[in-house]
PDB file of N, CA and C in Angstrom:
ATOM      1  N   UNK A   1     136.501-104.230-157.111  1.00  0.00           N
ATOM      2  CA  UNK A   1     137.855-104.979-157.914  1.00  0.00           C
ATOM      3  C   UNK A   1     137.241-106.142-158.611  1.00  0.00           C
ATOM      4  N   UNK A   2     137.655-106.520-159.952  1.00  0.00           N
ATOM      5  CA  UNK A   2     137.343-107.790-160.335  1.00  0.00           C
ATOM      6  C   UNK A   2     138.939-108.800-160.487  1.00  0.00           C
ATOM      7  N   UNK A   3     138.286-110.014-159.950  1.00  0.00           N
ATOM      8  CA  UNK A   3     139.388-111.508-159.464  1.00  0.00           C
ATOM      9  C   UNK A   3     138.740-112.325-160.901  1.00  0.00           C
ATOM     10  N   UNK A   4     139.770-112.812-161.643  1.00  0.00           N
ATOM     11  CA  UNK A   4     139.105-114.142-162.231  1.00  0.00           C
ATOM     12  C   UNK A   4     138.975-115.246-161.316  1.00  0.00           C
ATOM     13  N   UNK A   5     137.824-115.960-161.759  1.00  0.00           N
ATOM     14  CA  UNK A   5     137.107-116.929-160.911  1.00  0.00           C
ATOM     15  C   UNK A   5     136.662-118.259-161.674  1.00  0.00           C
ATOM     16  N   UNK A   6     136.799-119.112-160.961  1.00  0.00           N
ATOM     17  CA  UNK A   6     135.973-120.391-161.560  1.00  0.00           C
ATOM     18  C   UNK A   6     135.167-120.927-160.709  1.00  0.00           C
ATOM     19  N   UNK A   7     133.758-121.511-160.886  1.00  0.00           N
ATOM     20  CA  UNK A   7     133.172-121.755-160.149  1.00  0.00           C
ATOM     21  C   UNK A   7     133.439-123.554-160.326  1.00  0.00           C
ATOM     22  N   UNK A   8     133.668-124.169-158.994  1.00  0.00           N
ATOM     23  CA  UNK A   8     133.849-125.706-159.241  1.00  0.00           C
ATOM     24  C   UNK A   8     132.560-126.288-158.395  1.00  0.00           C
ATOM     25  N   UNK A   9     132.121-125.627-157.711  1.00  0.00           N
ATOM     26  CA  UNK A   9     130.368-126.362-157.190  1.00  0.00           C
ATOM     27  C   UNK A   9     130.059-125.664-156.316  1.00  0.00           C
ATOM     28  N   UNK A  10     129.062-125.855-155.638  1.00  0.00           N
ATOM     29  CA  UNK A  10     128.051-125.253-154.309  1.00  0.00           C
ATOM     30  C   UNK A  10     128.268-126.340-153.159  1.00  0.00           C
ATOM     31  N   UNK A  11     128.321-125.461-151.981  1.00  0.00           N
ATOM     32  CA  UNK A  11     127.928-126.120-150.844  1.00  0.00           C
ATOM     33  C   UNK A  11     127.972-124.872-149.737  1.00  0.00           C
ATOM     34  N   UNK A  12     126.769-125.788-148.891  1.00  0.00           N
ATOM     35  CA  UNK A  12     126.272-124.869-148.120  1.00  0.00           C
ATOM     36  C   UNK A  12     125.610-123.261-148.596  1.00  0.00           C
ATOM     37  N   UNK A  13     125.196-123.475-149.631  1.00  0.00           N
ATOM     38  CA  UNK A  13     124.466-121.956-150.196  1.00  0.00           C
ATOM     39  C   UNK A  13     125.717-121.461-150.826  1.00  0.00           C
ATOM     40  N   UNK A  14     126.715-121.715-150.862  1.00  0.00           N
ATOM     41  CA  UNK A  14     127.617-120.869-151.242  1.00  0.00           C
ATOM     42  C   UNK A  14     128.449-121.640-152.604  1.00  0.00           C
ATOM     43  N   UNK A  15     128.996-120.728-153.532  1.00  0.00           N
ATOM     44  CA  UNK A  15     129.742-121.209-154.882  1.00  0.00           C
ATOM     45  C   UNK A  15     131.042-121.309-154.214  1.00  0.00           C
ATOM     46  N   UNK A  16     131.776-122.212-154.645  1.00  0.00           N
ATOM     47  CA  UNK A  16     133.222-122.595-154.203  1.00  0.00           C
ATOM     48  C   UNK A  16     133.617-122.265-155.636  1.00  0.00           C
ATOM     49  N   UNK A  17     134.762-121.100-155.641  1.00  0.00           N
ATOM     50  CA  UNK A  17     135.441-120.728-156.567  1.00  0.00           C
ATOM     51  C   UNK A  17     136.532-120.685-156.364  1.00  0.00           C
ATOM     52  N   UNK A  18     137.517-121.214-157.689  1.00  0.00           N
ATOM     53  CA  UNK A  18     138.771-121.081-157.765  1.00  0.00           C
ATOM     54  C   UNK A  18     139.201-119.696-158.016  1.00  0.00           C
ATOM     55  N   UNK A  19     140.322-119.138-157.450  1.00  0.00           N
ATOM     56  CA  UNK A  19     140.840-117.814-157.760  1.00  0.00           C
ATOM     57  C   UNK A  19     142.380-117.853-157.949  1.00  0.00           C
ATOM     58  N   UNK A  20     142.784-116.956-158.643  1.00  0.00           N
ATOM     59  CA  UNK A  20     144.226-117.010-158.869  1.00  0.00           C
ATOM     60  C   UNK A  20     144.946-116.186-157.545  1.00  0.00           C
ATOM     61  N   UNK A  21     145.384-116.878-156.587  1.00  0.00           N
ATOM     62  CA  UNK A  21     146.123-116.248-155.460  1.00  0.00           C
ATOM     63  C   UNK A  21     147.185-115.154-155.591  1.00  0.00           C
ATOM     64  N   UNK A  22     147.614-115.397-156.537  1.00  0.00           N
ATOM     65  CA  UNK A  22     148.702-114.246-157.259  1.00  0.00           C
ATOM     66  C   UNK A  22     148.048-112.696-157.469  1.00  0.00           C
ATOM     67  N   UNK A  23     146.786-113.114-158.275  1.00  0.00           N
ATOM     68  CA  UNK A  23     145.800-111.905-158.106  1.00  0.00           C
ATOM     69  C   UNK A  23     145.119-111.445-157.195  1.00  0.00           C
ATOM     70  N   UNK A  24     145.140-112.040-156.152  1.00  0.00           N
ATOM     71  CA  UNK A  24     144.389-111.807-155.143  1.00  0.00           C
ATOM     72  C   UNK A  24     145.422-110.783-154.136  1.00  0.00           C
ATOM     73  N   UNK A  25     146.607-111.485-154.180  1.00  0.00           N
ATOM     74  CA  UNK A  25     147.870-110.726-153.046  1.00  0.00           C
ATOM     75  C   UNK A  25     148.445-109.903-153.683  1.00  0.00           C
ATOM     76  N   UNK A  26     148.243-109.369-155.179  1.00  0.00           N
ATOM     77  CA  UNK A  26     149.052-108.445-155.909  1.00  0.00           C
ATOM     78  C   UNK A  26     147.653-107.081-155.995  1.00  0.00           C
ATOM     79  N   UNK A  27     146.514-107.273-155.755  1.00  0.00           N
ATOM     80  CA  UNK A  27     145.615-106.484-156.253  1.00  0.00           C
ATOM     81  C   UNK A  27     144.630-105.937-154.713  1.00  0.00           C
ATOM     82  N   UNK A  28     144.487-107.087-153.967  1.00  0.00           N
ATOM     83  CA  UNK A  28     143.363-106.975-152.842  1.00  0.00           C
ATOM     84  C   UNK A  28     144.050-107.432-151.454  1.00  0.00           C
ATOM     85  N   UNK A  29     144.691-108.543-151.375  1.00  0.00           N
ATOM     86  CA  UNK A  29     145.242-108.769-149.610  1.00  0.00           C
ATOM     87  C   UNK A  29     146.199-109.894-150.281  1.00  0.00           C
ATOM     88  N   UNK A  30     147.280-109.012-149.659  1.00  0.00           N
ATOM     89  CA  UNK A  30     148.921-109.532-149.858  1.00  0.00           C
ATOM     90  C   UNK A  30     149.081-111.140-148.937  1.00  0.00           C
ATOM     91  N   UNK A  31     147.882-110.928-147.566  1.00  0.00           N
ATOM     92  CA  UNK A  31     148.285-112.118-146.999  1.00  0.00           C
ATOM     93  C   UNK A  31     147.146-113.379-147.548  1.00  0.00           C
ATOM     94  N   UNK A  32     146.488-113.093-148.567  1.00  0.00           N
ATOM     95  CA  UNK A  32     145.783-114.307-148.727  1.00  0.00           C
ATOM     96  C   UNK A  32     146.610-115.184-149.094  1.00  0.00           C
ATOM     97  N   UNK A  33     146.414-116.880-148.467  1.00  0.00           N
ATOM     98  CA  UNK A  33     146.879-117.880-148.707  1.00  0.00           C
ATOM     99  C   UNK A  33     146.551-118.977-149.331  1.00  0.00           C
ATOM    100  N   UNK A  34     145.625-119.522-148.699  1.00  0.00           N
ATOM    101  CA  UNK A  34     145.169-121.019-149.310  1.00  0.00           C
ATOM    102  C   UNK A  34     143.502-120.555-149.970  1.00  0.00           C
ATOM    103  N   UNK A  35     142.789-119.860-149.514  1.00  0.00           N
ATOM    104  CA  UNK A  35     141.260-119.792-149.099  1.00  0.00           C
ATOM    105  C   UNK A  35     140.797-118.696-148.359  1.00  0.00           C
ATOM    106  N   UNK A  36     139.549-118.330-148.462  1.00  0.00           N
ATOM    107  CA  UNK A  36     138.875-117.327-147.790  1.00  0.00           C
ATOM    108  C   UNK A  36     137.567-117.506-147.792  1.00  0.00           C
ATOM    109  N   UNK A  37     136.638-116.768-147.043  1.00  0.00           N
ATOM    110  CA  UNK A  37     135.320-117.068-146.976  1.00  0.00           C
ATOM    111  C   UNK A  37     134.750-115.330-146.489  1.00  0.00           C
ATOM    112  N   UNK A  38     133.395-115.328-146.570  1.00  0.00           N
ATOM    113  CA  UNK A  38     132.879-113.723-146.548  1.00  0.00           C
ATOM    114  C   UNK A  38     133.048-113.239-145.329  1.00  0.00           C
ATOM    115  N   UNK A  39     132.793-114.274-144.222  1.00  0.00           N
ATOM    116  CA  UNK A  39     132.847-113.836-142.940  1.00  0.00           C
ATOM    117  C   UNK A  39     133.950-113.348-142.569  1.00  0.00           C
ATOM    118  N   UNK A  40     135.399-113.717-142.899  1.00  0.00           N
ATOM    119  CA  UNK A  40     136.660-113.252-142.524  1.00  0.00           C
ATOM    120  C   UNK A  40     137.076-112.061-143.438  1.00  0.00           C
ATOM    121  N   UNK A  41     137.101-112.425-144.525  1.00  0.00           N
ATOM    122  CA  UNK A  41     137.475-111.300-145.716  1.00  0.00           C
ATOM    123  C   UNK A  41     136.540-110.545-146.379  1.00  0.00           C
ATOM    124  N   UNK A  42     136.203-109.312-145.903  1.00  0.00           N
ATOM    125  CA  UNK A  42     135.165-108.314-146.690  1.00  0.00           C
ATOM    126  C   UNK A  42     135.200-108.372-148.125  1.00  0.00           C
ATOM    127  N   UNK A  43     136.176-108.319-148.518  1.00  0.00           N
ATOM    128  CA  UNK A  43     136.303-108.343-150.312  1.00  0.00           C
ATOM    129  C   UNK A  43     135.537-110.035-150.675  1.00  0.00           C
ATOM    130  N   UNK A  44     135.631-111.140-150.163  1.00  0.00           N
ATOM    131  CA  UNK A  44     135.071-112.376-150.804  1.00  0.00           C
ATOM    132  C   UNK A  44     133.350-112.109-150.717  1.00  0.00           C
ATOM    133  N   UNK A  45     132.665-112.208-151.811  1.00  0.00           N
ATOM    134  CA  UNK A  45     131.598-111.978-151.991  1.00  0.00           C
ATOM    135  C   UNK A  45     130.309-113.144-150.770  1.00  0.00           C
ATOM    136  N   UNK A  46     129.358-112.493-150.604  1.00  0.00           N
ATOM    137  CA  UNK A  46     128.732-113.092-149.515  1.00  0.00           C
ATOM    138  C   UNK A  46     128.112-114.669-150.076  1.00  0.00           C
ATOM    139  N   UNK A  47     128.335-114.866-151.190  1.00  0.00           N
ATOM    140  CA  UNK A  47     127.953-116.318-151.594  1.00  0.00           C
ATOM    141  C   UNK A  47     128.753-116.911-152.428  1.00  0.00           C
ATOM    142  N   UNK A  48     130.399-116.459-151.702  1.00  0.00           N
ATOM    143  CA  UNK A  48     131.257-117.319-152.489  1.00  0.00           C
ATOM    144  C   UNK A  48     132.289-118.110-151.423  1.00  0.00           C
ATOM    145  N   UNK A  49     132.690-118.790-151.681  1.00  0.00           N
ATOM    146  CA  UNK A  49     134.087-119.417-150.905  1.00  0.00           C
ATOM    147  C   UNK A  49     135.207-119.465-151.967  1.00  0.00           C
ATOM    148  N   UNK A  50     136.584-118.923-151.354  1.00  0.00           N
ATOM    149  CA  UNK A  50     137.416-118.641-152.818  1.00  0.00           C
ATOM    150  C   UNK A  50     138.468-119.638-152.076  1.00  0.00           C
ATOM    151  N   UNK A  51     139.306-120.258-153.159  1.00  0.00           N
ATOM    152  CA  UNK A  51     140.218-121.385-152.970  1.00  0.00           C
ATOM    153  C   UNK A  51     141.262-121.139-153.850  1.00  0.00           C
ATOM    154  N   UNK A  52     142.605-121.078-153.392  1.00  0.00           N
ATOM    155  CA  UNK A  52     143.473-120.576-154.405  1.00  0.00           C
ATOM    156  C   UNK A  52     143.576-121.818-155.248  1.00  0.00           C
ATOM    157  N   UNK A  53     143.427-121.467-156.793  1.00  0.00           N
ATOM    158  CA  UNK A  53     143.437-122.228-157.833  1.00  0.00           C
ATOM    159  C   UNK A  53     145.151-123.276-157.855  1.00  0.00           C
ATOM    160  N   UNK A  54     146.133-122.610-157.403  1.00  0.00           N
ATOM    161  CA  UNK A  54     147.358-123.607-157.388  1.00  0.00           C
ATOM    162  C   UNK A  54     147.263-124.561-156.547  1.00  0.00           C
ATOM    163  N   UNK A  55     146.589-124.319-155.711  1.00  0.00           N
ATOM    164  CA  UNK A  55     146.626-125.883-154.698  1.00  0.00           C
ATOM    165  C   UNK A  55     146.655-127.097-155.203  1.00  0.00           C
ATOM    166  N   UNK A  56     147.405-127.991-154.594  1.00  0.00           N
ATOM    167  CA  UNK A  56     147.465-129.321-155.018  1.00  0.00           C
ATOM    168  C   UNK A  56     145.972-129.866-155.129  1.00  0.00           C
ATOM    169  N   UNK A  57     145.455-130.552-155.718  1.00  0.00           N
ATOM    170  CA  UNK A  57     144.515-131.137-155.869  1.00  0.00           C
ATOM    171  C   UNK A  57     143.801-131.889-154.236  1.00  0.00           C
ATOM    172  N   UNK A  58     144.564-132.433-153.840  1.00  0.00           N
ATOM    173  CA  UNK A  58     144.532-133.181-152.869  1.00  0.00           C
ATOM    174  C   UNK A  58     144.117-132.322-151.602  1.00  0.00           C
ATOM    175  N   UNK A  59     144.702-130.739-151.634  1.00  0.00           N
ATOM    176  CA  UNK A  59     144.406-129.955-150.801  1.00  0.00           C
ATOM    177  C   UNK A  59     143.252-129.188-150.985  1.00  0.00           C
ATOM    178  N   UNK A  60     142.463-129.461-151.826  1.00  0.00           N
ATOM    179  CA  UNK A  60     141.027-128.780-152.037  1.00  0.00           C
ATOM    180  C   UNK A  60     140.122-129.084-151.000  1.00  0.00           C
ATOM    181  N   UNK A  61     140.041-130.200-151.155  1.00  0.00           N
ATOM    182  CA  UNK A  61     138.894-130.682-150.314  1.00  0.00           C
ATOM    183  C   UNK A  61     138.970-130.125-148.847  1.00  0.00           C
ATOM    184  N   UNK A  62     140.189-130.513-148.117  1.00  0.00           N
ATOM    185  CA  UNK A  62     140.086-130.098-146.549  1.00  0.00           C
ATOM    186  C   UNK A  62     140.118-128.377-146.661  1.00  0.00           C
ATOM    187  N   UNK A  63     140.772-127.586-147.702  1.00  0.00           N
ATOM    188  CA  UNK A  63     140.767-126.215-147.523  1.00  0.00           C
ATOM    189  C   UNK A  63     139.168-125.722-147.653  1.00  0.00           C
ATOM    190  N   UNK A  64     138.573-126.323-148.449  1.00  0.00           N
ATOM    191  CA  UNK A  64     137.164-125.869-148.802  1.00  0.00           C
ATOM    192  C   UNK A  64     136.148-126.320-147.381  1.00  0.00           C
ATOM    193  N   UNK A  65     136.300-127.277-146.988  1.00  0.00           N
ATOM    194  CA  UNK A  65     136.061-127.772-145.682  1.00  0.00           C
ATOM    195  C   UNK A  65     136.106-126.581-144.397  1.00  0.00           C
ATOM    196  N   UNK A  66     137.328-126.509-144.489  1.00  0.00           N
ATOM    197  CA  UNK A  66     137.927-125.367-143.284  1.00  0.00           C
ATOM    198  C   UNK A  66     137.185-123.935-143.528  1.00  0.00           C
ATOM    199  N   UNK A  67     137.225-123.410-144.769  1.00  0.00           N
ATOM    200  CA  UNK A  67     136.556-122.475-145.101  1.00  0.00           C
ATOM    201  C   UNK A  67     135.022-122.219-144.748  1.00  0.00           C
ATOM    202  N   UNK A  68     134.201-123.461-145.294  1.00  0.00           N
ATOM    203  CA  UNK A  68     132.762-123.433-144.869  1.00  0.00           C
ATOM    204  C   UNK A  68     132.239-123.494-143.557  1.00  0.00           C
ATOM    205  N   UNK A  69     133.212-124.542-142.739  1.00  0.00           N
ATOM    206  CA  UNK A  69     132.999-124.584-141.370  1.00  0.00           C
ATOM    207  C   UNK A  69     133.397-123.080-140.553  1.00  0.00           C
ATOM    208  N   UNK A  70     134.419-122.624-141.106  1.00  0.00           N
ATOM    209  CA  UNK A  70     134.854-121.250-140.245  1.00  0.00           C
ATOM    210  C   UNK A  70     133.879-120.134-140.203  1.00  0.00           C
ATOM    211  N   UNK A  71     133.410-120.001-141.730  1.00  0.00           N
ATOM    212  CA  UNK A  71     132.374-118.817-142.014  1.00  0.00           C
ATOM    213  C   UNK A  71     131.192-119.297-141.426  1.00  0.00           C
ATOM    214  N   UNK A  72     130.658-120.435-141.209  1.00  0.00           N
ATOM    215  CA  UNK A  72     129.319-120.963-140.533  1.00  0.00           C
ATOM    216  C   UNK A  72     129.463-120.542-138.947  1.00  0.00           C
ATOM    217  N   UNK A  73     130.427-120.952-138.171  1.00  0.00           N
ATOM    218  CA  UNK A  73     130.943-120.941-137.195  1.00  0.00           C
ATOM    219  C   UNK A  73     131.035-118.985-136.644  1.00  0.00           C
ATOM    220  N   UNK A  74     131.469-118.361-137.421  1.00  0.00           N
ATOM    221  CA  UNK A  74     131.298-116.967-137.177  1.00  0.00           C
ATOM    222  C   UNK A  74     130.222-115.961-137.406  1.00  0.00           C
ATOM    223  N   UNK A  75     129.177-116.894-138.543  1.00  0.00           N
ATOM    224  CA  UNK A  75     128.121-116.266-138.686  1.00  0.00           C
ATOM    225  C   UNK A  75     126.845-116.833-137.903  1.00  0.00           C
ATOM    226  N   UNK A  76     126.772-118.066-137.971  1.00  0.00           N
ATOM    227  CA  UNK A  76     125.664-118.372-136.993  1.00  0.00           C
ATOM    228  C   UNK A  76     126.192-118.963-135.569  1.00  0.00           C
ATOM    229  N   UNK A  77     127.392-118.804-134.976  1.00  0.00           N
ATOM    230  CA  UNK A  77     127.550-119.022-133.747  1.00  0.00           C
ATOM    231  C   UNK A  77     128.420-117.997-133.083  1.00  0.00           C
ATOM    232  N   UNK A  78     128.303-116.725-133.466  1.00  0.00           N
ATOM    233  CA  UNK A  78     128.964-115.584-133.373  1.00  0.00           C
ATOM    234  C   UNK A  78     130.481-115.949-132.793  1.00  0.00           C
ATOM    235  N   UNK A  79     131.066-116.875-132.998  1.00  0.00           N
ATOM    236  CA  UNK A  79     132.516-116.891-132.730  1.00  0.00           C
ATOM    237  C   UNK A  79     133.582-115.989-133.341  1.00  0.00           C
ATOM    238  N   UNK A  80     134.540-115.726-132.650  1.00  0.00           N
ATOM    239  CA  UNK A  80     135.589-114.695-132.918  1.00  0.00           C
ATOM    240  C   UNK A  80     136.333-115.520-134.333  1.00  0.00           C
ATOM    241  N   UNK A  81     137.123-114.797-135.014  1.00  0.00           N
ATOM    242  CA  UNK A  81     137.634-115.693-136.224  1.00  0.00           C
ATOM    243  C   UNK A  81     138.713-116.571-135.584  1.00  0.00           C
ATOM    244  N   UNK A  82     139.636-116.382-134.454  1.00  0.00           N
ATOM    245  CA  UNK A  82     140.415-116.908-133.726  1.00  0.00           C
ATOM    246  C   UNK A  82     139.794-118.405-133.490  1.00  0.00           C
ATOM    247  N   UNK A  83     138.561-118.358-132.797  1.00  0.00           N
ATOM    248  CA  UNK A  83     138.001-119.404-132.222  1.00  0.00           C
ATOM    249  C   UNK A  83     137.208-120.420-133.509  1.00  0.00           C
ATOM    250  N   UNK A  84     136.773-119.837-134.030  1.00  0.00           N
ATOM    251  CA  UNK A  84     136.107-120.536-135.255  1.00  0.00           C
ATOM    252  C   UNK A  84     137.206-120.832-136.422  1.00  0.00           C
ATOM    253  N   UNK A  85     138.519-120.571-136.268  1.00  0.00           N
ATOM    254  CA  UNK A  85     139.924-120.930-137.389  1.00  0.00           C
ATOM    255  C   UNK A  85     139.824-122.295-136.612  1.00  0.00           C
ATOM    256  N   UNK A  86     140.101-122.118-135.249  1.00  0.00           N
ATOM    257  CA  UNK A  86     140.660-123.226-134.355  1.00  0.00           C
ATOM    258  C   UNK A  86     139.966-124.546-134.628  1.00  0.00           C
ATOM    259  N   UNK A  87     138.508-123.953-134.530  1.00  0.00           N
ATOM    260  CA  UNK A  87     137.543-125.415-134.725  1.00  0.00           C
ATOM    261  C   UNK A  87     137.460-125.969-136.118  1.00  0.00           C
ATOM    262  N   UNK A  88     137.691-125.112-136.959  1.00  0.00           N
ATOM    263  CA  UNK A  88     137.746-125.252-138.576  1.00  0.00           C
ATOM    264  C   UNK A  88     139.019-126.035-138.569  1.00  0.00           C
ATOM    265  N   UNK A  89     139.987-125.874-138.189  1.00  0.00           N
ATOM    266  CA  UNK A  89     141.234-126.402-138.438  1.00  0.00           C
ATOM    267  C   UNK A  89     141.516-127.917-137.902  1.00  0.00           C
ATOM    268  N   UNK A  90     140.580-128.212-137.092  1.00  0.00           N
ATOM    269  CA  UNK A  90     140.310-129.295-136.229  1.00  0.00           C
ATOM    270  C   UNK A  90     139.534-130.386-136.704  1.00  0.00           C
ATOM    271  N   UNK A  91     138.344-129.614-137.537  1.00  0.00           N
ATOM    272  CA  UNK A  91     137.286-130.408-138.440  1.00  0.00           C
ATOM    273  C   UNK A  91     138.474-130.570-139.739  1.00  0.00           C
ATOM    274  N   UNK A  92     138.662-129.907-140.284  1.00  0.00           N
ATOM    275  CA  UNK A  92     139.668-130.131-141.448  1.00  0.00           C
ATOM    276  C   UNK A  92     140.536-131.387-140.918  1.00  0.00           C
ATOM    277  N   UNK A  93     141.350-131.394-139.975  1.00  0.00           N
ATOM    278  CA  UNK A  93     142.053-132.656-139.756  1.00  0.00           C
ATOM    279  C   UNK A  93     141.442-133.873-139.753  1.00  0.00           C
ATOM    280  N   UNK A  94     140.208-133.940-139.037  1.00  0.00           N
ATOM    281  CA  UNK A  94     139.519-135.117-139.331  1.00  0.00           C
ATOM    282  C   UNK A  94     139.223-135.480-140.807  1.00  0.00           C
ATOM    283  N   UNK A  95     138.847-134.811-141.543  1.00  0.00           N
ATOM    284  CA  UNK A  95     138.941-135.011-143.234  1.00  0.00           C
ATOM    285  C   UNK A  95     140.186-135.654-143.437  1.00  0.00           C
ATOM    286  N   UNK A  96     140.996-134.665-143.186  1.00  0.00           N
ATOM    287  CA  UNK A  96     142.420-135.262-143.706  1.00  0.00           C
ATOM    288  C   UNK A  96     142.968-136.496-143.226  1.00  0.00           C
ATOM    289  N   UNK A  97     142.628-136.692-141.899  1.00  0.00           N
ATOM    290  CA  UNK A  97     143.157-138.508-141.797  1.00  0.00           C
ATOM    291  C   UNK A  97     141.983-139.162-142.510  1.00  0.00           C
ATOM    292  N   UNK A  98     140.910-138.848-142.673  1.00  0.00           N
ATOM    293  CA  UNK A  98     139.804-139.865-143.537  1.00  0.00           C
ATOM    294  C   UNK A  98     140.207-140.102-145.075  1.00  0.00           C
ATOM    295  N   UNK A  99     141.154-138.882-145.542  1.00  0.00           N
ATOM    296  CA  UNK A  99     141.212-139.094-146.761  1.00  0.00           C
ATOM    297  C   UNK A  99     142.457-139.823-147.018  1.00  0.00           C
ATOM    298  N   UNK A 100     143.525-139.287-146.262  1.00  0.00           N
ATOM    299  CA  UNK A 100     145.026-139.957-146.154  1.00  0.00           C
ATOM    300  C   UNK A 100     145.410-139.410-147.356  1.00  0.00           C
ATOM    301  N   UNK A 101     146.225-139.698-147.901  1.00  0.00           N
ATOM    302  CA  UNK A 101     147.044-139.414-149.150  1.00  0.00           C
ATOM    303  C   UNK A 101     146.394-139.085-150.484  1.00  0.00           C
ATOM    304  N   UNK A 102     145.180-139.834-150.410  1.00  0.00           N
ATOM    305  CA  UNK A 102     144.529-139.901-151.627  1.00  0.00           C
ATOM    306  C   UNK A 102     143.934-138.804-152.556  1.00  0.00           C
ATOM    307  N   UNK A 103     143.722-137.812-152.076  1.00  0.00           N
ATOM    308  CA  UNK A 103     143.065-136.842-152.473  1.00  0.00           C
ATOM    309  C   UNK A 103     141.446-137.130-152.605  1.00  0.00           C
ATOM    310  N   UNK A 104     140.982-136.154-153.837  1.00  0.00           N
ATOM    311  CA  UNK A 104     139.489-136.260-154.384  1.00  0.00           C
ATOM    312  C   UNK A 104     139.745-135.593-155.748  1.00  0.00           C
ATOM    313  N   UNK A 105     138.938-136.454-156.463  1.00  0.00           N
ATOM    314  CA  UNK A 105     138.599-135.623-157.759  1.00  0.00           C
ATOM    315  C   UNK A 105     137.703-135.020-157.847  1.00  0.00           C
ATOM    316  N   UNK A 106     136.676-135.099-156.907  1.00  0.00           N
ATOM    317  CA  UNK A 106     135.668-134.006-156.951  1.00  0.00           C
ATOM    318  C   UNK A 106     135.682-133.496-155.438  1.00  0.00           C
ATOM    319  N   UNK A 107     136.148-132.559-154.802  1.00  0.00           N
ATOM    320  CA  UNK A 107     136.548-132.019-153.623  1.00  0.00           C
ATOM    321  C   UNK A 107     135.135-131.406-152.827  1.00  0.00           C
ATOM    322  N   UNK A 108     134.073-130.645-153.813  1.00  0.00           N
ATOM    323  CA  UNK A 108     133.063-130.280-153.262  1.00  0.00           C
ATOM    324  C   UNK A 108     132.368-131.490-152.969  1.00  0.00           C
ATOM    325  N   UNK A 109     132.087-132.341-153.638  1.00  0.00           N
ATOM    326  CA  UNK A 109     131.126-133.685-153.281  1.00  0.00           C
ATOM    327  C   UNK A 109     131.937-134.341-152.272  1.00  0.00           C
ATOM    328  N   UNK A 110     133.192-134.319-151.683  1.00  0.00           N
ATOM    329  CA  UNK A 110     133.972-135.030-150.853  1.00  0.00           C
ATOM    330  C   UNK A 110     133.112-134.358-149.468  1.00  0.00           C
ATOM    331  N   UNK A 111     133.284-133.029-149.627  1.00  0.00           N
ATOM    332  CA  UNK A 111     133.217-132.019-148.346  1.00  0.00           C
ATOM    333  C   UNK A 111     131.784-132.507-147.952  1.00  0.00           C
ATOM    334  N   UNK A 112     130.688-132.611-148.886  1.00  0.00           N
ATOM    335  CA  UNK A 112     129.518-132.653-148.757  1.00  0.00           C
ATOM    336  C   UNK A 112     129.093-133.647-147.730  1.00  0.00           C
ATOM    337  N   UNK A 113     129.709-134.895-148.813  1.00  0.00           N
ATOM    338  CA  UNK A 113     129.620-136.409-148.097  1.00  0.00           C
ATOM    339  C   UNK A 113     130.174-136.365-146.498  1.00  0.00           C
ATOM    340  N   UNK A 114     131.375-135.768-146.077  1.00  0.00           N
ATOM    341  CA  UNK A 114     132.283-135.310-144.927  1.00  0.00           C
ATOM    342  C   UNK A 114     130.958-134.869-143.861  1.00  0.00           C
ATOM    343  N   UNK A 115     130.605-133.805-144.346  1.00  0.00           N
ATOM    344  CA  UNK A 115     129.588-132.968-143.582  1.00  0.00           C
ATOM    345  C   UNK A 115     128.252-133.965-143.267  1.00  0.00           C
ATOM    346  N   UNK A 116     127.850-134.642-144.102  1.00  0.00           N
ATOM    347  CA  UNK A 116     126.935-135.560-143.989  1.00  0.00           C
ATOM    348  C   UNK A 116     127.223-136.894-143.072  1.00  0.00           C
ATOM    349  N   UNK A 117     128.285-136.980-142.997  1.00  0.00           N
ATOM    350  CA  UNK A 117     128.752-137.946-142.121  1.00  0.00           C
ATOM    351  C   UNK A 117     128.826-139.421-142.765  1.00  0.00           C
ATOM    352  N   UNK A 118     129.171-139.194-144.199  1.00  0.00           N
ATOM    353  CA  UNK A 118     128.891-140.339-145.093  1.00  0.00           C
ATOM    354  C   UNK A 118     130.518-141.023-145.106  1.00  0.00           C
ATOM    355  N   UNK A 119     131.004-142.196-145.382  1.00  0.00           N
ATOM    356  CA  UNK A 119     131.884-142.575-145.897  1.00  0.00           C
ATOM    357  C   UNK A 119     132.580-142.569-147.133  1.00  0.00           C
ATOM    358  N   UNK A 120     133.772-142.260-147.292  1.00  0.00           N
ATOM    359  CA  UNK A 120     134.232-142.360-148.663  1.00  0.00           C
ATOM    360  C   UNK A 120     134.135-143.704-149.373  1.00  0.00           C
ATOM    361  N   UNK A 121     134.034-143.507-150.493  1.00  0.00           N
ATOM    362  CA  UNK A 121     133.925-144.886-151.486  1.00  0.00           C
ATOM    363  C   UNK A 121     135.285-145.189-151.711  1.00  0.00           C
ATOM    364  N   UNK A 122     135.627-146.633-151.508  1.00  0.00           N
ATOM    365  CA  UNK A 122     137.122-147.028-151.923  1.00  0.00           C
ATOM    366  C   UNK A 122     136.849-147.796-153.163  1.00  0.00           C
TER     367      UNK A 122
END
C-alpha cells in the first residue's frame, strides 16, 4: 500500500519520513497516532521512521527520538514493545526538558545532537 511520504532527514541509518496520519489511519492502521517504527509496526519499511506531518514542529524532535530509541531497544536489546516504549518515553522526557517550549527548526539535527550528548546552542 502506497502512503505519501516526505523525507526530512536520516538518523541511525533510518530515513525520517513525514506521513499523512489521516491517510495512514484510513488505509492501514486506525490506531496510528504521532509516529511509528518498523520494529513495532510491520507496515513501516525497515529503513524508515514515520512521523505524523501535522504534528506541531515543537513535537517532532521528541517524537523522532522516541521512535528511534524504541526501535533500537526492541531490535538490539530484545525488549518487548512495552519495555521499549517506557524507556523511550523516559528518554523523550529528558529531551523535552532540555528543549523547553522552544522546539526545533531542524528536529533531526536536534535528535542527533541529543543522542551524542551535545548541548543545544542558544
